[in-house]
Amino acid sequence: MGGNVIVAKHQHVATLTLNRPPGNLVNVGLMTSLDKALRTVIKEDNITVIILTGGDKSFSEGIDLEAFRSLGDDEMAEFVRNGQETLWRLERAPKPTLAAMAGKVLGPGLEIALACDMRLSTENAQFGHPEVSQGLIPLFGDAVRLERVIGRSRARSLIFTGEPIHAWEALEIGLVGRIAPNDVLLEEARLAASRIVSQPLHAVQAAKAAMLATEDSASRKAFYAIIASLLKGSRERKRKVQVEHSANRE
């Protein structure tokens, strides 16, 4: 399977590689391909662990802002809704998931990583949410996930300021679980996956099911409402600018 997401399978491990060079900017096509790949490998009985990576340069440098702003109202809402569903599907996959990250892990790239169970990065990785500076918020649910992983104060600082952090700080605050040398990222990820594969399958699946059972759908519903309000406000501001522009021309 090629395109925006490349899927490789070896010894019960599926590796999904984001493949939209040069920076794996997130757009409709990439998220659609990721959703399709996830649906496929989740259903395959011979796959025990799923690795997500962006290769050895950048996991994802963020949203394709030009493409996002070119979407119509309905297309924009559909993109956000479908992206949320894709990441909730990733988060709730019955199989352990691991993000192997190099370079920039920004915006929706960080959202994808945080929907995984485990995160491994290189020493040169940097993480951040620049969306506020773009007039947005994390679109796919990261405002909730980030607080759960690193705590309220740190999560809000990362989102409100838009300032990125580097790998060693990410390790210190629990955003990543381990740092690997730059040239052996995938090897380390596959080694971690092989350790999981060697465990009794029923126990691994039961452990993940038990963890997922503690999560609440209420935050998901609340997040949908916030995003709907943000998109509505964005559309209204856009129309206001268009009206003012037309008036000035007259």
C-alpha atoms as a PDB file:
ATOM      1  CA  MET A   1       0.000   0.000   0.000  1.00  0.00           C
ATOM      2  CA  GLY A   2       1.509   3.345  -1.114  1.00  0.00           C
ATOM      3  CA  GLY A   3       0.420   6.952  -1.368  1.00  0.00           C
ATOM      4  CA  ASN A   4       0.317   9.285   1.615  1.00  0.00           C
ATOM      5  CA  VAL A   5       0.750   6.383   4.034  1.00  0.00           C
ATOM      6  CA  ILE A   6       3.006   3.425   3.280  1.00  0.00           C
ATOM      7  CA  VAL A   7       2.224   0.158   5.077  1.00  0.00           C
ATOM      8  CA  ALA A   8       4.869  -2.524   5.692  1.00  0.00           C
ATOM      9  CA  LYS A   9       4.283  -5.735   7.649  1.00  0.00           C
ATOM     10  CA  HIS A  10       6.864  -7.986   9.252  1.00  0.00           C
ATOM     11  CA  GLN A  11       6.616 -10.562  12.030  1.00  0.00           C
ATOM     12  CA  HIS A  12       3.233  -9.446  13.393  1.00  0.00           C
ATOM     13  CA  VAL A  13       4.170  -5.748  13.292  1.00  0.00           C
ATOM     14  CA  ALA A  14       2.628  -3.242  10.876  1.00  0.00           C
ATOM     15  CA  THR A  15       4.624  -0.071  10.223  1.00  0.00           C
ATOM     16  CA  LEU A  16       2.634   2.877   8.881  1.00  0.00           C
ATOM     17  CA  THR A  17       4.864   5.597   7.414  1.00  0.00           C
ATOM     18  CA  LEU A  18       3.477   9.064   6.729  1.00  0.00           C
ATOM     19  CA  ASN A  19       4.615   9.834   3.202  1.00  0.00           C
ATOM     20  CA  ARG A  20       3.820  13.383   2.135  1.00  0.00           C
ATOM     21  CA  PRO A  21       7.222  15.023   1.634  1.00  0.00           C
ATOM     22  CA  PRO A  22       8.875  17.273   2.339  1.00  0.00           C
ATOM     23  CA  GLY A  23       7.332  17.774   5.790  1.00  0.00           C
ATOM     24  CA  ASN A  24       4.373  15.369   5.963  1.00  0.00           C
ATOM     25  CA  LEU A  25       1.991  18.311   6.258  1.00  0.00           C
ATOM     26  CA  VAL A  26      -1.441  17.071   7.271  1.00  0.00           C
ATOM     27  CA  ASN A  27      -4.255  17.516   4.766  1.00  0.00           C
ATOM     28  CA  VAL A  28      -7.423  15.668   3.759  1.00  0.00           C
ATOM     29  CA  GLY A  29      -5.522  13.144   1.649  1.00  0.00           C
ATOM     30  CA  LEU A  30      -3.050  12.191   4.365  1.00  0.00           C
ATOM     31  CA  MET A  31      -5.748  11.752   7.013  1.00  0.00           C
ATOM     32  CA  THR A  32      -7.912   9.726   4.621  1.00  0.00           C
ATOM     33  CA  SER A  33      -4.969   7.446   3.835  1.00  0.00           C
ATOM     34  CA  LEU A  34      -4.135   7.066   7.522  1.00  0.00           C
ATOM     35  CA  ASP A  35      -7.714   6.131   8.341  1.00  0.00           C
ATOM     36  CA  LYS A  36      -7.807   3.544   5.551  1.00  0.00           C
ATOM     37  CA  ALA A  37      -4.482   2.017   6.645  1.00  0.00           C
ATOM     38  CA  LEU A  38      -5.583   1.849  10.286  1.00  0.00           C
ATOM     39  CA  ARG A  39      -8.868   0.174   9.427  1.00  0.00           C
ATOM     40  CA  THR A  40      -6.964  -2.447   7.439  1.00  0.00           C
ATOM     41  CA  VAL A  41      -4.262  -3.361   9.961  1.00  0.00           C
ATOM     42  CA  ILE A  42      -6.617  -3.263  12.955  1.00  0.00           C
ATOM     43  CA  LYS A  43      -8.740  -5.979  11.336  1.00  0.00           C
ATOM     44  CA  GLU A  44      -5.811  -8.250  10.457  1.00  0.00           C
ATOM     45  CA  ASP A  45      -5.459 -11.085  12.968  1.00  0.00           C
ATOM     46  CA  ASN A  46      -1.753 -11.592  12.250  1.00  0.00           C
ATOM     47  CA  ILE A  47      -0.884  -8.007  13.243  1.00  0.00           C
ATOM     48  CA  THR A  48      -0.199  -7.554  16.953  1.00  0.00           C
ATOM     49  CA  VAL A  49       1.512  -4.128  17.135  1.00  0.00           C
ATOM     50  CA  ILE A  50       1.210  -0.984  15.002  1.00  0.00           C
ATOM     51  CA  ILE A  51       4.125   1.463  14.555  1.00  0.00           C
ATOM     52  CA  LEU A  52       3.529   4.952  13.160  1.00  0.00           C
ATOM     53  CA  THR A  53       6.459   6.936  11.808  1.00  0.00           C
ATOM     54  CA  GLY A  54       7.226   9.795   9.465  1.00  0.00           C
ATOM     55  CA  GLY A  55      10.604   8.517   8.384  1.00  0.00           C
ATOM     56  CA  ASP A  56      13.982   9.849   9.482  1.00  0.00           C
ATOM     57  CA  LYS A  57      13.470  13.575   8.739  1.00  0.00           C
ATOM     58  CA  SER A  58      10.163  14.815  10.160  1.00  0.00           C
ATOM     59  CA  PHE A  59       7.229  12.977  11.678  1.00  0.00           C
ATOM     60  CA  SER A  60       4.955  15.852  10.626  1.00  0.00           C
ATOM     61  CA  GLU A  61       5.581  19.581  10.476  1.00  0.00           C
ATOM     62  CA  GLY A  62       1.930  20.382  11.135  1.00  0.00           C
ATOM     63  CA  ILE A  63      -1.191  21.202   9.197  1.00  0.00           C
ATOM     64  CA  ASP A  64      -1.165  22.166   5.526  1.00  0.00           C
ATOM     65  CA  LEU A  65      -2.549  25.589   6.363  1.00  0.00           C
ATOM     66  CA  GLU A  66      -3.024  26.740   2.776  1.00  0.00           C
ATOM     67  CA  ALA A  67      -5.010  23.618   1.920  1.00  0.00           C
ATOM     68  CA  PHE A  68      -7.036  23.866   5.138  1.00  0.00           C
ATOM     69  CA  ARG A  69      -8.028  27.489   4.526  1.00  0.00           C
ATOM     70  CA  SER A  70      -9.008  26.711   0.938  1.00  0.00           C
ATOM     71  CA  LEU A  71     -11.687  24.275   2.118  1.00  0.00           C
ATOM     72  CA  GLY A  72     -15.323  25.268   1.965  1.00  0.00           C
ATOM     73  CA  ASP A  73     -17.397  25.425   5.136  1.00  0.00           C
ATOM     74  CA  ASP A  74     -18.785  21.906   4.836  1.00  0.00           C
ATOM     75  CA  GLU A  75     -15.430  20.482   3.701  1.00  0.00           C
ATOM     76  CA  MET A  76     -13.637  22.061   6.651  1.00  0.00           C
ATOM     77  CA  ALA A  77     -16.152  20.658   9.136  1.00  0.00           C
ATOM     78  CA  GLU A  78     -15.924  17.226   7.501  1.00  0.00           C
ATOM     79  CA  PHE A  79     -12.113  17.269   7.593  1.00  0.00           C
ATOM     80  CA  VAL A  80     -12.086  18.071  11.307  1.00  0.00           C
ATOM     81  CA  ARG A  81     -14.793  15.538  12.152  1.00  0.00           C
ATOM     82  CA  ASN A  82     -13.145  12.766  10.122  1.00  0.00           C
ATOM     83  CA  GLY A  83      -9.733  13.570  11.595  1.00  0.00           C
ATOM     84  CA  GLN A  84     -11.131  13.304  15.103  1.00  0.00           C
ATOM     85  CA  GLU A  85     -12.696   9.947  14.266  1.00  0.00           C
ATOM     86  CA  THR A  86      -9.427   8.667  12.803  1.00  0.00           C
ATOM     87  CA  LEU A  87      -7.460   9.562  15.929  1.00  0.00           C
ATOM     88  CA  TRP A  88     -10.087   8.138  18.266  1.00  0.00           C
ATOM     89  CA  ARG A  89      -9.916   4.967  16.167  1.00  0.00           C
ATOM     90  CA  LEU A  90      -6.125   4.960  16.575  1.00  0.00           C
ATOM     91  CA  GLU A  91      -6.374   5.663  20.295  1.00  0.00           C
ATOM     92  CA  ARG A  92      -8.922   2.909  20.833  1.00  0.00           C
ATOM     93  CA  ALA A  93      -7.305   0.314  18.576  1.00  0.00           C
ATOM     94  CA  PRO A  94      -7.325  -3.059  20.333  1.00  0.00           C
ATOM     95  CA  LYS A  95      -3.638  -3.461  19.453  1.00  0.00           C
ATOM     96  CA  PRO A  96      -0.724  -1.593  21.072  1.00  0.00           C
ATOM     97  CA  THR A  97       0.461   1.393  19.018  1.00  0.00           C
ATOM     98  CA  LEU A  98       3.849   3.100  19.028  1.00  0.00           C
ATOM     99  CA  ALA A  99       4.861   6.428  17.464  1.00  0.00           C
ATOM    100  CA  ALA A 100       8.490   6.575  16.276  1.00  0.00           C
ATOM    101  CA  MET A 101       9.319  10.243  15.718  1.00  0.00           C
ATOM    102  CA  ALA A 102      12.174  12.240  14.248  1.00  0.00           C
ATOM    103  CA  GLY A 103      12.469  15.932  13.481  1.00  0.00           C
ATOM    104  CA  LYS A 104       9.410  18.125  13.859  1.00  0.00           C
ATOM    105  CA  VAL A 105       6.269  16.771  15.514  1.00  0.00           C
ATOM    106  CA  LEU A 106       3.923  19.729  15.317  1.00  0.00           C
ATOM    107  CA  GLY A 107       0.202  20.438  15.402  1.00  0.00           C
ATOM    108  CA  PRO A 108      -1.813  17.512  14.079  1.00  0.00           C
ATOM    109  CA  GLY A 109       1.434  15.544  13.853  1.00  0.00           C
ATOM    110  CA  LEU A 110       1.661  15.718  17.631  1.00  0.00           C
ATOM    111  CA  GLU A 111      -2.019  14.818  17.838  1.00  0.00           C
ATOM    112  CA  ILE A 112      -1.377  11.636  15.852  1.00  0.00           C
ATOM    113  CA  ALA A 113       1.543  10.758  18.119  1.00  0.00           C
ATOM    114  CA  LEU A 114      -0.459  11.347  21.297  1.00  0.00           C
ATOM    115  CA  ALA A 115      -3.216   9.033  20.093  1.00  0.00           C
ATOM    116  CA  CYS A 116      -0.622   6.228  20.235  1.00  0.00           C
ATOM    117  CA  ASP A 117       0.006   4.170  23.374  1.00  0.00           C
ATOM    118  CA  MET A 118       3.769   4.724  23.372  1.00  0.00           C
ATOM    119  CA  ARG A 119       6.108   7.349  21.933  1.00  0.00           C
ATOM    120  CA  LEU A 120       9.773   7.021  20.995  1.00  0.00           C
ATOM    121  CA  SER A 121      11.752   9.907  19.517  1.00  0.00           C
ATOM    122  CA  THR A 122      15.177  10.840  18.271  1.00  0.00           C
ATOM    123  CA  GLU A 123      17.402  13.373  20.006  1.00  0.00           C
ATOM    124  CA  ASN A 124      16.681  15.999  17.339  1.00  0.00           C
ATOM    125  CA  ALA A 125      12.903  15.826  17.676  1.00  0.00           C
ATOM    126  CA  GLN A 126      10.883  18.864  18.673  1.00  0.00           C
ATOM    127  CA  PHE A 127       7.255  18.992  19.703  1.00  0.00           C
ATOM    128  CA  GLY A 128       4.699  21.781  19.683  1.00  0.00           C
ATOM    129  CA  HIS A 129       1.273  23.183  18.951  1.00  0.00           C
ATOM    130  CA  PRO A 130       1.518  26.345  16.796  1.00  0.00           C
ATOM    131  CA  GLU A 131      -2.230  26.404  16.073  1.00  0.00           C
ATOM    132  CA  VAL A 132      -3.110  29.367  18.331  1.00  0.00           C
ATOM    133  CA  SER A 133      -0.736  31.594  16.348  1.00  0.00           C
ATOM    134  CA  GLN A 134      -2.637  30.455  13.233  1.00  0.00           C
ATOM    135  CA  GLY A 135      -6.017  31.371  14.701  1.00  0.00           C
ATOM    136  CA  LEU A 136      -6.887  27.747  15.457  1.00  0.00           C
ATOM    137  CA  ILE A 137      -6.750  25.240  18.283  1.00  0.00           C
ATOM    138  CA  PRO A 138      -5.644  21.585  18.078  1.00  0.00           C
ATOM    139  CA  LEU A 139      -8.362  20.241  15.805  1.00  0.00           C
ATOM    140  CA  PHE A 140      -8.392  16.527  16.501  1.00  0.00           C
ATOM    141  CA  GLY A 141      -8.684  16.245  20.292  1.00  0.00           C
ATOM    142  CA  ASP A 142      -5.201  17.025  21.569  1.00  0.00           C
ATOM    143  CA  ALA A 143      -6.370  19.624  24.066  1.00  0.00           C
ATOM    144  CA  VAL A 144      -7.771  16.656  25.996  1.00  0.00           C
ATOM    145  CA  ARG A 145      -5.029  14.102  25.308  1.00  0.00           C
ATOM    146  CA  LEU A 146      -2.148  16.443  26.036  1.00  0.00           C
ATOM    147  CA  GLU A 147      -3.475  17.319  29.508  1.00  0.00           C
ATOM    148  CA  ARG A 148      -3.909  13.634  30.247  1.00  0.00           C
ATOM    149  CA  VAL A 149      -0.302  12.876  29.297  1.00  0.00           C
ATOM    150  CA  ILE A 150       1.713  15.814  30.674  1.00  0.00           C
ATOM    151  CA  GLY A 151      -0.669  17.555  33.075  1.00  0.00           C
ATOM    152  CA  ARG A 152      -2.850  20.649  32.891  1.00  0.00           C
ATOM    153  CA  SER A 153      -0.277  23.404  33.412  1.00  0.00           C
ATOM    154  CA  ARG A 154       2.303  22.087  30.956  1.00  0.00           C
ATOM    155  CA  ALA A 155      -0.316  21.238  28.324  1.00  0.00           C
ATOM    156  CA  ARG A 156      -1.875  24.677  28.485  1.00  0.00           C
ATOM    157  CA  SER A 157       1.481  26.383  28.306  1.00  0.00           C
ATOM    158  CA  LEU A 158       2.403  24.370  25.206  1.00  0.00           C
ATOM    159  CA  ILE A 159      -0.906  25.218  23.496  1.00  0.00           C
ATOM    160  CA  PHE A 160      -1.271  28.868  24.597  1.00  0.00           C
ATOM    161  CA  THR A 161       2.298  29.934  23.756  1.00  0.00           C
ATOM    162  CA  GLY A 162       2.841  27.797  20.675  1.00  0.00           C
ATOM    163  CA  GLU A 163       6.488  27.402  21.675  1.00  0.00           C
ATOM    164  CA  PRO A 164       8.053  24.022  20.809  1.00  0.00           C
ATOM    165  CA  ILE A 165      10.012  21.852  23.215  1.00  0.00           C
ATOM    166  CA  HIS A 166      12.913  19.548  22.431  1.00  0.00           C
ATOM    167  CA  ALA A 167      13.272  15.828  22.914  1.00  0.00           C
ATOM    168  CA  TRP A 168      14.984  15.805  26.307  1.00  0.00           C
ATOM    169  CA  GLU A 169      12.369  18.107  27.824  1.00  0.00           C
ATOM    170  CA  ALA A 170       9.648  15.974  26.233  1.00  0.00           C
ATOM    171  CA  LEU A 171      11.193  12.937  27.915  1.00  0.00           C
ATOM    172  CA  GLU A 172      11.381  14.731  31.264  1.00  0.00           C
ATOM    173  CA  ILE A 173       7.677  15.644  31.259  1.00  0.00           C
ATOM    174  CA  GLY A 174       6.483  12.271  29.940  1.00  0.00           C
ATOM    175  CA  LEU A 175       5.516  13.321  26.426  1.00  0.00           C
ATOM    176  CA  VAL A 176       7.854  10.636  25.098  1.00  0.00           C
ATOM    177  CA  GLY A 177       8.852   7.465  26.882  1.00  0.00           C
ATOM    178  CA  ARG A 178      12.281   6.989  25.386  1.00  0.00           C
ATOM    179  CA  ILE A 179      14.892   8.677  23.176  1.00  0.00           C
ATOM    180  CA  ALA A 180      16.868   6.763  20.559  1.00  0.00           C
ATOM    181  CA  PRO A 181      19.952   7.782  18.574  1.00  0.00           C
ATOM    182  CA  ASN A 182      18.979   9.488  15.325  1.00  0.00           C
ATOM    183  CA  ASP A 183      20.212   6.685  13.072  1.00  0.00           C
ATOM    184  CA  VAL A 184      18.474   3.751  14.789  1.00  0.00           C
ATOM    185  CA  LEU A 185      14.962   5.079  15.454  1.00  0.00           C
ATOM    186  CA  LEU A 186      13.050   2.429  13.526  1.00  0.00           C
ATOM    187  CA  GLU A 187      15.279  -0.373  14.760  1.00  0.00           C
ATOM    188  CA  GLU A 188      14.547   0.660  18.355  1.00  0.00           C
ATOM    189  CA  ALA A 189      10.831   0.895  17.610  1.00  0.00           C
ATOM    190  CA  ARG A 190      10.791  -2.565  16.061  1.00  0.00           C
ATOM    191  CA  LEU A 191      12.725  -3.965  19.014  1.00  0.00           C
ATOM    192  CA  ALA A 192      10.131  -2.528  21.405  1.00  0.00           C
ATOM    193  CA  ALA A 193       7.352  -3.962  19.241  1.00  0.00           C
ATOM    194  CA  SER A 194       8.996  -7.388  19.197  1.00  0.00           C
ATOM    195  CA  ARG A 195       9.014  -7.435  22.998  1.00  0.00           C
ATOM    196  CA  ILE A 196       5.255  -6.906  22.967  1.00  0.00           C
ATOM    197  CA  VAL A 197       4.756  -9.554  20.296  1.00  0.00           C
ATOM    198  CA  SER A 198       6.596 -12.045  22.522  1.00  0.00           C
ATOM    199  CA  GLN A 199       4.035 -11.620  25.305  1.00  0.00           C
ATOM    200  CA  PRO A 200       0.815 -13.681  25.556  1.00  0.00           C
ATOM    201  CA  LEU A 201      -1.529 -12.049  23.053  1.00  0.00           C
ATOM    202  CA  HIS A 202      -4.670 -12.429  25.160  1.00  0.00           C
ATOM    203  CA  ALA A 203      -2.992 -10.690  28.100  1.00  0.00           C
ATOM    204  CA  VAL A 204      -1.772  -7.758  25.977  1.00  0.00           C
ATOM    205  CA  GLN A 205      -5.224  -7.277  24.473  1.00  0.00           C
ATOM    206  CA  ALA A 206      -6.946  -7.573  27.847  1.00  0.00           C
ATOM    207  CA  ALA A 207      -4.581  -5.016  29.376  1.00  0.00           C
ATOM    208  CA  LYS A 208      -5.325  -2.473  26.663  1.00  0.00           C
ATOM    209  CA  ALA A 209      -9.067  -3.136  26.852  1.00  0.00           C
ATOM    210  CA  ALA A 210      -8.973  -2.528  30.611  1.00  0.00           C
ATOM    211  CA  MET A 211      -7.167   0.790  30.121  1.00  0.00           C
ATOM    212  CA  LEU A 212      -9.606   1.931  27.445  1.00  0.00           C
ATOM    213  CA  ALA A 213     -12.575   0.997  29.617  1.00  0.00           C
ATOM    214  CA  THR A 214     -11.611   3.694  32.130  1.00  0.00           C
ATOM    215  CA  GLU A 215     -11.933   6.494  29.576  1.00  0.00           C
ATOM    216  CA  ASP A 216     -15.043   8.622  29.362  1.00  0.00           C
ATOM    217  CA  SER A 217     -16.909   9.667  26.216  1.00  0.00           C
ATOM    218  CA  ALA A 218     -18.110  12.902  27.842  1.00  0.00           C
ATOM    219  CA  SER A 219     -14.893  14.753  26.979  1.00  0.00           C
ATOM    220  CA  ARG A 220     -15.311  13.674  23.364  1.00  0.00           C
ATOM    221  CA  LYS A 221     -18.813  15.181  23.139  1.00  0.00           C
ATOM    222  CA  ALA A 222     -17.671  18.407  24.784  1.00  0.00           C
ATOM    223  CA  PHE A 223     -14.762  18.680  22.360  1.00  0.00           C
ATOM    224  CA  TYR A 224     -17.081  18.294  19.356  1.00  0.00           C
ATOM    225  CA  ALA A 225     -19.125  21.245  20.662  1.00  0.00           C
ATOM    226  CA  ILE A 226     -16.032  23.458  21.090  1.00  0.00           C
ATOM    227  CA  ILE A 227     -14.734  22.719  17.597  1.00  0.00           C
ATOM    228  CA  ALA A 228     -18.173  23.379  16.068  1.00  0.00           C
ATOM    229  CA  SER A 229     -18.256  26.765  17.803  1.00  0.00           C
ATOM    230  CA  LEU A 230     -14.724  27.635  16.647  1.00  0.00           C
ATOM    231  CA  LEU A 231     -15.460  26.764  13.020  1.00  0.00           C
ATOM    232  CA  LYS A 232     -18.710  28.738  13.108  1.00  0.00           C
ATOM    233  CA  GLY A 233     -16.843  31.782  14.460  1.00  0.00           C
ATOM    234  CA  SER A 234     -14.161  31.380  11.795  1.00  0.00           C
ATOM    235  CA  ARG A 235     -16.787  31.289   9.041  1.00  0.00           C
ATOM    236  CA  GLU A 236     -18.526  34.378  10.452  1.00  0.00           C
ATOM    237  CA  ARG A 237     -15.240  36.313  10.604  1.00  0.00           C
ATOM    238  CA  LYS A 238     -14.477  35.284   7.027  1.00  0.00           C
ATOM    239  CA  ARG A 239     -17.880  36.514   5.815  1.00  0.00           C
ATOM    240  CA  LYS A 240     -17.441  39.796   7.717  1.00  0.00           C
ATOM    241  CA  VAL A 241     -14.108  40.422   6.020  1.00  0.00           C
ATOM    242  CA  GLN A 242     -15.667  39.674   2.612  1.00  0.00           C
ATOM    243  CA  VAL A 243     -18.555  42.093   3.262  1.00  0.00           C
ATOM    244  CA  GLU A 244     -16.183  44.832   4.446  1.00  0.00           C
ATOM    245  CA  HIS A 245     -13.969  44.277   1.415  1.00  0.00           C
ATOM    246  CA  SER A 246     -16.966  44.601  -0.939  1.00  0.00           C
ATOM    247  CA  ALA A 247     -18.130  47.796   0.831  1.00  0.00           C
ATOM    248  CA  ASN A 248     -14.688  49.359   0.532  1.00  0.00           C
ATOM    249  CA  ARG A 249     -14.610  48.633  -3.196  1.00  0.00           C
ATOM    250  CA  GLU A 250     -17.910  50.416  -3.639  1.00  0.00           C
END
